[in-house]
Amino acid sequence: MNATKATVRVSDTSDNESSKMNAPKHLARIAGLLYLVVGIFGGLTVGYATPRVYAAGDAATTRNILANSGLVLFGVMADLLQATAFIFLALALYALLKDVNKNAARAMVSLVAIATAIMCINEIFQFSALGVAGDEPYAAAFGAAGLQSLVMLLMDMHHYGFLIAQIFFALWLVPLGYLAYQSGMFPKVLGVVLVAAGVSYLLDMIAAFLFPEISMRIHGLLAILPTIAEVWTLVYLLVVGVRNMKTTEPVKATITAGAYGHSLTATAV
């Protein structure tokens, strides 16, 4: 008796296809979570902790630091934490976007590395200001007025060090915007807004250095684009991840029939 049997084997399984498509989305959502950490702790330090203890030219800074020593320590730790999260955010985005343009992706990571290095070193000044403000030997050596001046000097250095770091935090948005625009993973308009936000952010920092009085009047206006761009990017990474990319990999099927095992291979795109 002759027996006939047929065996169908599909070489590219749907599970592998699904895994390849979802990997960028998982990576994007990890980047989104890291961006959220940066946003939360950065917002707390810039919007709450630092304004409570420091204002340029305010002689009450020493008193504020002593009255809010816990808040100063929290600000230092929050800045260090957000700087660490920022490095891993840049690395996650590099892994996601390196195939778009490796040079732009490397520039993005380099700018974040410079910014976070400055930020971490800069925390030495704020931590030192706290130590000096509450140290009696410094008060005995410099007197009350001298102690206040020394604390103000340290906090001013911290303030301007922060502004220097922000220059690089502004610049990193430019390669990120370019990569987002070219990748097809994000809306093209988001890429344009990110580049424009980087330029706006940079102008804001330059004004803060060169024209501090004018900067106070235009800061709110120049901060609009960076706020929109970064919040949009954060939400997109968390909610959408990235757009699904079309796959062009062929699916191969091998059919074996009959007692002699004759086979036929078909390829479908």
Protein backbone atom coordinates (compact mmCIF):
# COMPACT_ATOMS: atom_id res chain seq x y z
CA MET A 1 0.00 0.00 0.00
CA ASN A 2 1.34 3.39 -0.94
CA ALA A 3 1.04 6.06 1.70
CA THR A 4 1.03 9.76 0.96
CA LYS A 5 1.81 12.37 3.55
CA ALA A 6 2.44 16.10 3.48
CA THR A 7 4.44 18.19 5.93
CA VAL A 8 4.35 21.98 5.90
CA ARG A 9 7.04 23.92 7.70
CA VAL A 10 7.13 27.71 8.00
CA SER A 11 10.67 28.94 8.64
CA ASP A 12 9.86 32.48 9.86
CA THR A 13 7.37 32.14 12.70
CA SER A 14 4.92 34.87 13.66
CA ASP A 15 6.40 34.97 17.18
CA ASN A 16 9.78 36.03 15.82
CA GLU A 17 8.13 38.65 13.60
CA SER A 18 6.18 40.03 16.58
CA SER A 19 9.29 40.09 18.77
CA LYS A 20 11.28 42.07 16.18
CA MET A 21 8.47 44.60 15.78
CA ASN A 22 7.95 45.10 19.52
CA ALA A 23 11.64 45.43 20.52
CA PRO A 24 11.89 49.14 19.47
CA LYS A 25 8.64 49.90 21.31
CA HIS A 26 9.97 48.34 24.52
CA LEU A 27 13.22 50.31 24.19
CA ALA A 28 11.30 53.53 23.52
CA ARG A 29 9.15 53.02 26.63
CA ILE A 30 12.26 52.45 28.75
CA ALA A 31 13.57 55.76 27.38
CA GLY A 32 10.22 57.35 28.23
CA LEU A 33 10.42 56.15 31.85
CA LEU A 34 13.96 57.50 32.17
CA TYR A 35 12.82 60.82 30.64
CA LEU A 36 10.02 60.91 33.25
CA VAL A 37 12.56 60.47 36.06
CA VAL A 38 14.64 63.32 34.62
CA GLY A 39 11.56 65.53 34.31
CA ILE A 40 10.30 64.88 37.86
CA PHE A 41 13.57 65.41 39.69
CA GLY A 42 14.72 68.22 37.40
CA GLY A 43 11.40 70.01 37.92
CA LEU A 44 11.61 69.63 41.70
CA THR A 45 15.10 71.09 41.91
CA VAL A 46 14.64 73.93 39.41
CA GLY A 47 11.07 74.79 40.32
CA TYR A 48 11.06 74.24 44.06
CA ALA A 49 14.28 73.39 45.92
CA THR A 50 16.69 75.96 44.46
CA PRO A 51 14.31 78.98 44.50
CA ARG A 52 13.60 78.33 48.19
CA VAL A 53 17.25 78.83 49.18
CA TYR A 54 18.88 80.98 46.48
CA ALA A 55 18.26 84.19 44.63
CA ALA A 56 21.06 86.06 42.87
CA GLY A 57 22.32 88.93 45.03
CA ASP A 58 20.09 88.05 47.99
CA ALA A 59 22.00 88.33 51.29
CA ALA A 60 19.42 86.09 52.96
CA THR A 61 20.79 83.08 51.08
CA THR A 62 22.94 81.94 54.02
CA ARG A 63 19.94 82.12 56.36
CA ASN A 64 17.78 80.25 53.85
CA ILE A 65 20.36 77.48 53.45
CA LEU A 66 20.63 76.98 57.22
CA ALA A 67 16.84 76.97 57.60
CA ASN A 68 16.39 74.50 54.71
CA SER A 69 19.46 72.28 54.96
CA GLY A 70 17.39 69.17 54.24
CA LEU A 71 16.02 70.78 51.11
CA VAL A 72 19.54 71.66 49.94
CA LEU A 73 20.65 68.04 50.40
CA PHE A 74 17.55 66.86 48.56
CA GLY A 75 18.38 69.24 45.69
CA VAL A 76 21.93 67.87 45.46
CA MET A 77 20.77 64.25 45.43
CA ALA A 78 17.94 64.97 42.97
CA ASP A 79 20.36 66.61 40.53
CA LEU A 80 22.75 63.67 40.78
CA LEU A 81 19.88 61.23 40.22
CA GLN A 82 18.50 63.06 37.21
CA ALA A 83 21.99 63.34 35.70
CA THR A 84 22.43 59.57 36.05
CA ALA A 85 19.01 58.91 34.52
CA PHE A 86 19.85 61.32 31.67
CA ILE A 87 22.93 59.29 30.73
CA PHE A 88 20.90 56.09 30.51
CA LEU A 89 18.18 57.96 28.59
CA ALA A 90 20.75 59.04 25.99
CA LEU A 91 22.10 55.48 25.74
CA ALA A 92 18.58 54.07 25.25
CA LEU A 93 17.86 56.60 22.50
CA TYR A 94 21.23 55.83 20.92
CA ALA A 95 20.34 52.12 20.78
CA LEU A 96 16.99 53.04 19.26
CA LEU A 97 18.22 55.55 16.66
CA LYS A 98 21.84 54.63 15.86
CA ASP A 99 20.90 52.96 12.57
CA VAL A 100 19.39 56.22 11.31
CA ASN A 101 22.65 58.17 11.49
CA LYS A 102 25.48 56.99 13.73
CA ASN A 103 27.32 60.32 13.77
CA ALA A 104 24.21 62.23 14.88
CA ALA A 105 23.46 59.57 17.51
CA ARG A 106 27.02 59.82 18.86
CA ALA A 107 26.80 63.62 18.95
CA MET A 108 23.57 63.35 20.94
CA VAL A 109 25.16 61.05 23.55
CA SER A 110 28.33 63.19 23.71
CA LEU A 111 26.36 66.37 24.41
CA VAL A 112 24.38 64.68 27.18
CA ALA A 113 27.61 63.27 28.67
CA ILE A 114 29.18 66.75 28.77
CA ALA A 115 26.06 68.30 30.30
CA THR A 116 25.68 65.67 33.01
CA ALA A 117 29.39 65.76 33.88
CA ILE A 118 29.18 69.53 34.40
CA MET A 119 26.00 69.11 36.46
CA CYS A 120 27.54 66.49 38.76
CA ILE A 121 30.73 68.48 39.35
CA ASN A 122 28.65 71.60 39.85
CA GLU A 123 26.89 70.06 42.86
CA ILE A 124 30.18 70.41 44.78
CA PHE A 125 29.52 74.16 45.06
CA GLN A 126 26.02 73.79 46.50
CA PHE A 127 27.12 71.08 48.93
CA SER A 128 30.09 73.23 49.99
CA ALA A 129 27.82 76.23 50.53
CA LEU A 130 25.77 74.17 52.99
CA GLY A 131 28.92 73.08 54.82
CA VAL A 132 30.34 76.61 55.01
CA ALA A 133 27.06 78.21 56.12
CA GLY A 134 26.79 75.97 59.19
CA ASP A 135 30.47 75.75 60.11
CA GLU A 136 31.54 77.88 63.09
CA PRO A 137 35.28 77.93 62.25
CA TYR A 138 34.42 79.60 58.91
CA ALA A 139 32.30 82.17 60.76
CA ALA A 140 35.14 82.85 63.19
CA ALA A 141 37.69 83.18 60.40
CA PHE A 142 35.67 85.35 57.98
CA GLY A 143 33.16 87.08 60.25
CA ALA A 144 29.42 87.20 59.59
CA ALA A 145 29.70 89.41 56.50
CA GLY A 146 32.61 87.41 55.08
CA LEU A 147 30.75 84.15 55.67
CA GLN A 148 27.68 85.44 53.79
CA SER A 149 29.88 86.57 50.90
CA LEU A 150 31.59 83.18 50.71
CA VAL A 151 28.25 81.33 50.72
CA MET A 152 26.92 83.68 48.04
CA LEU A 153 30.05 83.11 45.94
CA LEU A 154 29.60 79.33 46.12
CA MET A 155 25.89 79.54 45.26
CA ASP A 156 26.58 81.96 42.39
CA MET A 157 29.15 79.51 41.03
CA HIS A 158 26.56 76.76 41.30
CA HIS A 159 24.02 78.93 39.48
CA TYR A 160 26.32 79.76 36.57
CA GLY A 161 27.61 76.19 36.40
CA PHE A 162 24.00 75.09 36.00
CA LEU A 163 23.54 77.56 33.13
CA ILE A 164 26.66 76.20 31.41
CA ALA A 165 25.27 72.66 31.68
CA GLN A 166 21.97 73.86 30.23
CA ILE A 167 23.75 75.00 27.08
CA PHE A 168 24.59 71.36 26.33
CA PHE A 169 21.14 70.20 27.40
CA ALA A 170 19.82 72.62 24.77
CA LEU A 171 22.21 71.38 22.08
CA TRP A 172 21.34 67.70 22.53
CA LEU A 173 17.81 68.40 21.30
CA VAL A 174 19.15 69.27 17.83
CA PRO A 175 20.61 65.83 16.91
CA LEU A 176 17.67 64.18 18.68
CA GLY A 177 15.25 66.18 16.52
CA TYR A 178 17.20 65.33 13.36
CA LEU A 179 17.15 61.62 14.21
CA ALA A 180 13.45 61.70 15.07
CA TYR A 181 12.71 63.42 11.74
CA GLN A 182 14.78 61.01 9.64
CA SER A 183 13.86 57.78 11.41
CA GLY A 184 10.18 57.50 10.52
CA MET A 185 9.61 56.27 14.09
CA PHE A 186 8.22 59.61 15.23
CA PRO A 187 6.03 62.30 13.66
CA LYS A 188 8.22 64.49 11.44
CA VAL A 189 6.76 67.62 12.99
CA LEU A 190 8.08 66.46 16.38
CA GLY A 191 11.59 66.35 14.92
CA VAL A 192 11.20 69.91 13.63
CA VAL A 193 9.88 71.13 17.00
CA LEU A 194 12.80 69.47 18.84
CA VAL A 195 15.37 71.25 16.66
CA ALA A 196 13.57 74.58 17.06
CA ALA A 197 13.34 73.96 20.82
CA GLY A 198 17.10 73.40 21.00
CA VAL A 199 17.72 76.74 19.29
CA SER A 200 15.21 78.52 21.56
CA TYR A 201 16.70 76.92 24.67
CA LEU A 202 20.21 77.95 23.61
CA LEU A 203 19.14 81.56 23.02
CA ASP A 204 17.58 81.58 26.49
CA MET A 205 20.83 80.44 28.11
CA ILE A 206 22.95 82.94 26.16
CA ALA A 207 20.60 85.74 27.20
CA ALA A 208 20.86 84.62 30.85
CA PHE A 209 24.64 85.03 30.66
CA LEU A 210 24.96 88.21 28.60
CA PHE A 211 21.73 90.11 29.29
CA PRO A 212 20.34 88.90 32.66
CA GLU A 213 17.80 91.71 32.96
CA ILE A 214 16.43 91.10 29.45
CA SER A 215 16.55 87.36 30.09
CA MET A 216 14.09 87.69 32.98
CA ARG A 217 11.57 89.29 30.61
CA ILE A 218 11.95 86.88 27.69
CA HIS A 219 12.61 83.62 29.57
CA GLY A 220 8.93 82.65 29.66
CA LEU A 221 8.60 83.14 25.91
CA LEU A 222 11.77 81.23 25.02
CA ALA A 223 10.81 78.35 27.34
CA ILE A 224 7.56 77.60 25.48
CA LEU A 225 9.06 75.57 22.61
CA PRO A 226 11.42 73.47 24.79
CA THR A 227 8.55 72.67 27.15
CA ILE A 228 6.25 71.60 24.30
CA ALA A 229 9.01 69.57 22.60
CA GLU A 230 10.19 67.70 25.69
CA VAL A 231 6.72 66.97 27.09
CA TRP A 232 5.57 65.80 23.65
CA THR A 233 8.62 63.53 23.31
CA LEU A 234 8.14 62.13 26.82
CA VAL A 235 4.44 61.37 26.30
CA TYR A 236 5.04 59.89 22.83
CA LEU A 237 7.76 57.56 24.14
CA LEU A 238 5.60 56.39 27.03
CA VAL A 239 2.26 56.05 25.25
CA VAL A 240 3.09 55.21 21.63
CA GLY A 241 6.71 54.08 21.86
CA VAL A 242 7.57 54.34 18.18
CA ARG A 243 5.67 53.90 14.94
CA ASN A 244 5.49 50.39 13.51
CA MET A 245 8.06 49.98 10.75
CA LYS A 246 7.13 47.97 7.64
CA THR A 247 8.88 44.64 7.32
CA THR A 248 10.10 43.36 3.98
CA GLU A 249 11.53 40.03 5.19
CA PRO A 250 10.23 37.08 3.13
CA VAL A 251 8.37 34.14 4.65
CA LYS A 252 9.57 30.78 3.37
CA ALA A 253 7.50 27.59 3.37
CA THR A 254 8.79 24.11 2.59
CA ILE A 255 6.31 21.39 1.53
CA THR A 256 7.35 17.73 1.50
CA ALA A 257 4.93 15.27 -0.18
CA GLY A 258 4.83 11.59 -1.05
CA ALA A 259 6.73 8.55 0.07
CA TYR A 260 9.93 9.70 -1.62
CA GLY A 261 10.02 13.06 0.17
CA HIS A 262 9.92 15.34 -2.89
CA SER A 263 10.00 18.93 -1.67
CA LEU A 264 8.91 22.31 -2.94
CA THR A 265 10.06 25.62 -1.45
CA ALA A 266 7.96 28.74 -1.91
CA THR A 267 8.83 32.28 -0.90
CA ALA A 268 6.16 34.88 -0.16
CA VAL A 269 6.83 38.56 0.48
